[in-house]
């Protein structure tokens, strides 16, 4: 089975995540395929890209492929982690990337869709940001990406509670652009793409890059960065980190002791 499906029509490229056995977990293989597809879309000079799961999907993506997270005392979320590479590819793509969301979105997949330019979600979709639930020390760039989309009090609730929220809640909090009935999801998304395609692709590419540069203009002194890295290292060297990974695969709640 192909990892993803591609289609280009009317200057709109569509990339469909197509790994139902893993609930579209963001493995290295899937991310490599996604990046290659985005490169081909750029070559085809599409004016918008739609990122979606298959129609009727119950899970848009389960997030990080937990099988690929290091359990040997190494940082599990480095600069070349599949999720980080996928997010950079989406942000640096010259055309707007629209996440067309159906089903539940988990963990790192929330950051993936929130890094897209626009989000259109079905009424029954949900979002859960879960590093605290599975004991994974999320990195600074990931937390920064979340904080760009919604206010600080709300991102704290999402990160600390690690519970799913509804699409309607996400709309009210400014996380997504549109929430529609599942039967209208594709039509609304393509109508939005059609509006984008009527405008100057050069100007839109410029605006996208300007917004990216401005959103990432956050100074961080070396001492603060090293302190955060030290706190993260203490977590991925901890008993709790190993417990979170084990509990995930054993399909049980983890028991964290804070060490």
Protein backbone atom coordinates (compact mmCIF):
# COMPACT_ATOMS: atom_id res chain seq x y z
CA UNK A 1 0.00 0.00 0.00
CA UNK A 2 1.27 3.47 -0.86
CA UNK A 3 2.17 5.57 2.19
CA UNK A 4 0.28 8.50 0.74
CA UNK A 5 -1.73 9.45 -2.32
CA UNK A 6 -1.19 12.50 -4.51
CA UNK A 7 -3.42 14.40 -6.90
CA UNK A 8 -3.16 17.73 -8.70
CA UNK A 9 -6.26 19.37 -10.17
CA UNK A 10 -7.11 23.00 -10.90
CA UNK A 11 -3.78 24.19 -9.46
CA UNK A 12 -4.52 22.47 -6.13
CA UNK A 13 -2.40 19.60 -4.90
CA UNK A 14 -3.91 17.04 -2.54
CA UNK A 15 -1.78 14.80 -0.30
CA UNK A 16 -3.67 12.02 1.47
CA UNK A 17 -2.01 10.20 4.37
CA UNK A 18 -2.63 6.53 3.66
CA UNK A 19 -1.30 4.32 6.49
CA UNK A 20 -4.46 3.02 8.20
CA UNK A 21 -2.64 0.20 10.03
CA UNK A 22 -0.61 2.74 12.00
CA UNK A 23 -3.34 5.40 12.06
CA UNK A 24 -1.07 7.57 9.91
CA UNK A 25 1.65 7.66 12.57
CA UNK A 26 4.36 10.10 11.52
CA UNK A 27 7.12 7.60 10.89
CA UNK A 28 10.35 8.45 9.12
CA UNK A 29 9.10 6.66 6.00
CA UNK A 30 5.79 8.55 5.93
CA UNK A 31 7.51 11.89 6.51
CA UNK A 32 10.03 11.18 3.75
CA UNK A 33 7.11 10.50 1.41
CA UNK A 34 5.33 13.67 2.55
CA UNK A 35 8.39 15.85 1.97
CA UNK A 36 8.92 14.30 -1.47
CA UNK A 37 5.28 14.96 -2.33
CA UNK A 38 5.54 18.59 -1.26
CA UNK A 39 8.64 18.95 -3.44
CA UNK A 40 6.75 17.56 -6.41
CA UNK A 41 3.86 19.92 -5.69
CA UNK A 42 6.28 22.84 -5.75
CA UNK A 43 7.63 21.61 -9.08
CA UNK A 44 4.08 21.43 -10.42
CA UNK A 45 3.60 25.06 -9.32
CA UNK A 46 0.40 24.35 -7.43
CA UNK A 47 -1.17 27.36 -5.74
CA UNK A 48 -2.49 25.50 -2.70
CA UNK A 49 -1.89 22.14 -1.07
CA UNK A 50 -4.49 20.15 0.86
CA UNK A 51 -3.22 17.71 3.51
CA UNK A 52 -5.83 15.16 4.53
CA UNK A 53 -6.62 11.63 5.69
CA UNK A 54 -8.82 9.27 3.65
CA UNK A 55 -12.51 10.19 3.57
CA UNK A 56 -14.32 8.85 6.62
CA UNK A 57 -11.12 8.37 8.66
CA UNK A 58 -11.64 7.99 12.40
CA UNK A 59 -8.04 9.05 13.05
CA UNK A 60 -6.39 11.80 11.03
CA UNK A 61 -3.02 10.89 12.55
CA UNK A 62 -1.89 9.28 15.79
CA UNK A 63 1.16 11.57 15.95
CA UNK A 64 4.73 10.44 16.50
CA UNK A 65 5.50 6.84 15.63
CA UNK A 66 6.29 5.77 19.19
CA UNK A 67 8.35 2.83 17.92
CA UNK A 68 10.91 5.30 16.60
CA UNK A 69 11.44 7.26 19.83
CA UNK A 70 14.80 6.52 21.41
CA UNK A 71 14.81 4.62 24.71
CA UNK A 72 18.61 4.50 25.07
CA UNK A 73 19.24 7.83 26.78
CA UNK A 74 19.41 9.88 23.59
CA UNK A 75 17.24 12.91 22.86
CA UNK A 76 14.10 11.50 21.22
CA UNK A 77 13.17 14.80 19.52
CA UNK A 78 16.14 16.24 17.67
CA UNK A 79 16.40 18.69 14.76
CA UNK A 80 16.22 15.77 12.30
CA UNK A 81 13.27 14.05 14.00
CA UNK A 82 10.64 13.16 11.34
CA UNK A 83 8.09 15.57 12.82
CA UNK A 84 10.56 18.47 12.81
CA UNK A 85 11.46 17.78 9.18
CA UNK A 86 7.80 17.56 8.15
CA UNK A 87 6.96 20.85 9.84
CA UNK A 88 9.87 22.64 8.21
CA UNK A 89 8.78 21.33 4.80
CA UNK A 90 5.23 22.62 5.34
CA UNK A 91 6.36 26.01 6.59
CA UNK A 92 8.89 26.49 3.80
CA UNK A 93 6.59 25.38 0.99
CA UNK A 94 5.78 28.44 -1.13
CA UNK A 95 2.06 27.67 -1.48
CA UNK A 96 -0.41 27.72 1.41
CA UNK A 97 -0.92 24.28 2.97
CA UNK A 98 -4.46 23.64 4.17
CA UNK A 99 -5.07 20.87 6.71
CA UNK A 100 -8.42 19.22 5.96
CA UNK A 101 -9.09 17.45 9.23
CA UNK A 102 -11.42 14.52 9.72
CA UNK A 103 -11.13 12.23 12.74
CA UNK A 104 -8.95 12.57 15.82
CA UNK A 105 -5.57 14.30 15.82
CA UNK A 106 -3.06 13.18 18.43
CA UNK A 107 0.22 14.42 19.86
CA UNK A 108 2.75 15.54 17.28
CA UNK A 109 0.09 15.47 14.58
CA UNK A 110 -1.54 18.43 16.35
CA UNK A 111 1.64 20.39 15.84
CA UNK A 112 1.76 19.20 12.22
CA UNK A 113 -1.72 20.52 11.38
CA UNK A 114 -1.26 23.68 13.45
CA UNK A 115 1.86 24.39 11.38
CA UNK A 116 -0.27 24.41 8.24
CA UNK A 117 -1.44 27.78 6.98
CA UNK A 118 -5.16 27.11 7.37
CA UNK A 119 -7.20 24.43 9.15
CA UNK A 120 -10.65 23.21 8.10
CA UNK A 121 -12.09 20.57 10.42
CA UNK A 122 -15.16 18.37 10.47
CA UNK A 123 -17.56 18.79 13.38
CA UNK A 124 -16.63 15.39 14.83
CA UNK A 125 -12.85 15.87 14.76
CA UNK A 126 -10.88 16.19 18.01
CA UNK A 127 -7.43 17.36 19.04
CA UNK A 128 -5.18 16.13 21.87
CA UNK A 129 -1.65 17.33 22.63
CA UNK A 130 -0.21 14.45 24.64
CA UNK A 131 3.54 14.66 25.49
CA UNK A 132 2.74 14.90 29.23
CA UNK A 133 0.44 11.88 28.95
CA UNK A 134 3.17 9.64 27.52
CA UNK A 135 6.15 11.20 29.30
CA UNK A 136 7.90 12.62 26.23
CA UNK A 137 10.01 15.80 26.79
CA UNK A 138 8.71 18.07 24.04
CA UNK A 139 11.24 20.48 22.58
CA UNK A 140 11.31 24.28 22.45
CA UNK A 141 10.45 24.63 18.77
CA UNK A 142 7.42 22.41 19.20
CA UNK A 143 6.07 24.35 22.17
CA UNK A 144 6.71 27.59 20.30
CA UNK A 145 4.66 26.31 17.35
CA UNK A 146 1.73 25.60 19.66
CA UNK A 147 1.96 28.99 21.32
CA UNK A 148 1.74 30.75 17.95
CA UNK A 149 -1.74 29.40 17.33
CA UNK A 150 -3.56 30.00 20.60
CA UNK A 151 -3.22 32.02 23.78
CA UNK A 152 -0.88 31.06 26.60
CA UNK A 153 -3.58 30.06 29.15
CA UNK A 154 -5.23 27.77 26.61
CA UNK A 155 -2.04 26.12 25.41
CA UNK A 156 -1.16 25.47 29.05
CA UNK A 157 -4.49 23.70 29.54
CA UNK A 158 -3.98 21.60 26.41
CA UNK A 159 -0.42 20.66 27.33
CA UNK A 160 -0.95 20.04 31.05
CA UNK A 161 -4.28 18.19 30.89
CA UNK A 162 -3.41 16.32 27.66
CA UNK A 163 -7.10 15.62 26.98
CA UNK A 164 -8.94 15.70 23.64
CA UNK A 165 -10.87 18.85 22.78
CA UNK A 166 -13.63 19.17 20.22
CA UNK A 167 -13.41 20.95 16.90
CA UNK A 168 -15.98 23.48 18.11
CA UNK A 169 -13.83 24.27 21.14
CA UNK A 170 -10.80 24.61 18.85
CA UNK A 171 -12.73 26.99 16.59
CA UNK A 172 -13.82 29.16 19.50
CA UNK A 173 -10.25 29.28 20.79
CA UNK A 174 -8.80 30.28 17.42
CA UNK A 175 -7.00 27.00 16.68
CA UNK A 176 -8.85 26.31 13.42
CA UNK A 177 -10.35 28.47 10.68
CA UNK A 178 -13.57 26.59 9.89
CA UNK A 179 -15.60 23.74 11.37
CA UNK A 180 -18.19 22.15 9.08
CA UNK A 181 -20.28 18.96 8.85
CA UNK A 182 -18.22 16.03 7.58
CA UNK A 183 -20.28 15.89 4.39
CA UNK A 184 -19.27 19.46 3.53
CA UNK A 185 -15.61 19.22 4.51
CA UNK A 186 -14.13 18.67 1.06
CA UNK A 187 -16.38 21.21 -0.67
CA UNK A 188 -15.58 23.96 1.85
CA UNK A 189 -11.85 23.21 1.70
CA UNK A 190 -11.75 23.26 -2.10
CA UNK A 191 -13.81 26.46 -2.19
CA UNK A 192 -11.21 28.08 0.07
CA UNK A 193 -8.44 26.81 -2.22
CA UNK A 194 -10.26 28.27 -5.23
CA UNK A 195 -10.28 31.71 -3.59
CA UNK A 196 -6.55 31.44 -2.91
CA UNK A 197 -5.85 30.35 -6.49
CA UNK A 198 -7.45 33.54 -7.83
CA UNK A 199 -4.77 35.66 -6.17
CA UNK A 200 -1.12 36.32 -6.99
CA UNK A 201 0.94 33.22 -6.13
CA UNK A 202 4.08 35.36 -5.90
CA UNK A 203 2.52 37.70 -3.35
CA UNK A 204 1.08 34.81 -1.35
CA UNK A 205 4.49 33.09 -1.28
CA UNK A 206 6.03 36.36 -0.06
CA UNK A 207 3.36 36.85 2.60
CA UNK A 208 3.77 33.27 3.81
CA UNK A 209 7.53 33.71 4.16
CA UNK A 210 7.15 37.09 5.87
CA UNK A 211 4.70 35.61 8.38
CA UNK A 212 7.03 32.67 9.00
CA UNK A 213 10.05 34.89 9.62
CA UNK A 214 8.13 37.23 11.90
CA UNK A 215 6.57 34.38 13.89
CA UNK A 216 10.00 32.86 14.52
CA UNK A 217 11.67 36.13 15.59
CA UNK A 218 11.94 35.11 19.24
CA UNK A 219 15.38 35.74 20.79
CA UNK A 220 16.65 33.10 23.20
CA UNK A 221 19.94 33.45 25.02
CA UNK A 222 22.32 30.46 25.06
CA UNK A 223 22.08 29.98 28.83
CA UNK A 224 18.28 29.64 28.72
CA UNK A 225 18.51 27.17 25.83
CA UNK A 226 21.10 25.06 27.66
CA UNK A 227 18.98 25.08 30.83
CA UNK A 228 15.93 23.84 28.92
CA UNK A 229 18.02 21.15 27.24
CA UNK A 230 19.29 20.05 30.67
CA UNK A 231 15.69 19.75 31.94
CA UNK A 232 14.72 17.75 28.85
CA UNK A 233 17.77 15.47 29.27
CA UNK A 234 16.74 14.72 32.84
CA UNK A 235 13.38 13.52 31.50
CA UNK A 236 14.57 11.25 28.70
CA UNK A 237 17.09 9.71 31.12
CA UNK A 238 14.34 9.12 33.69
CA UNK A 239 12.28 6.15 34.86
CA UNK A 240 9.13 8.09 33.98
CA UNK A 241 10.14 8.34 30.30
CA UNK A 242 10.68 4.59 30.06
CA UNK A 243 7.38 4.01 31.90
CA UNK A 244 5.49 6.25 29.47
CA UNK A 245 6.81 4.36 26.44
CA UNK A 246 6.10 0.95 28.02
CA UNK A 247 2.58 1.96 29.04
CA UNK A 248 1.79 3.18 25.53
CA UNK A 249 2.65 -0.18 23.98
CA UNK A 250 1.02 -2.13 26.79
CA UNK A 251 -2.16 -0.05 26.27
CA UNK A 252 -2.47 0.95 29.93
CA UNK A 253 -2.30 4.24 31.85
CA UNK A 254 1.28 5.11 32.86
CA UNK A 255 2.20 5.45 36.50
CA UNK A 256 4.54 8.41 36.85
CA UNK A 257 6.62 9.00 40.00
CA UNK A 258 8.49 12.14 38.96
CA UNK A 259 11.91 10.49 38.72
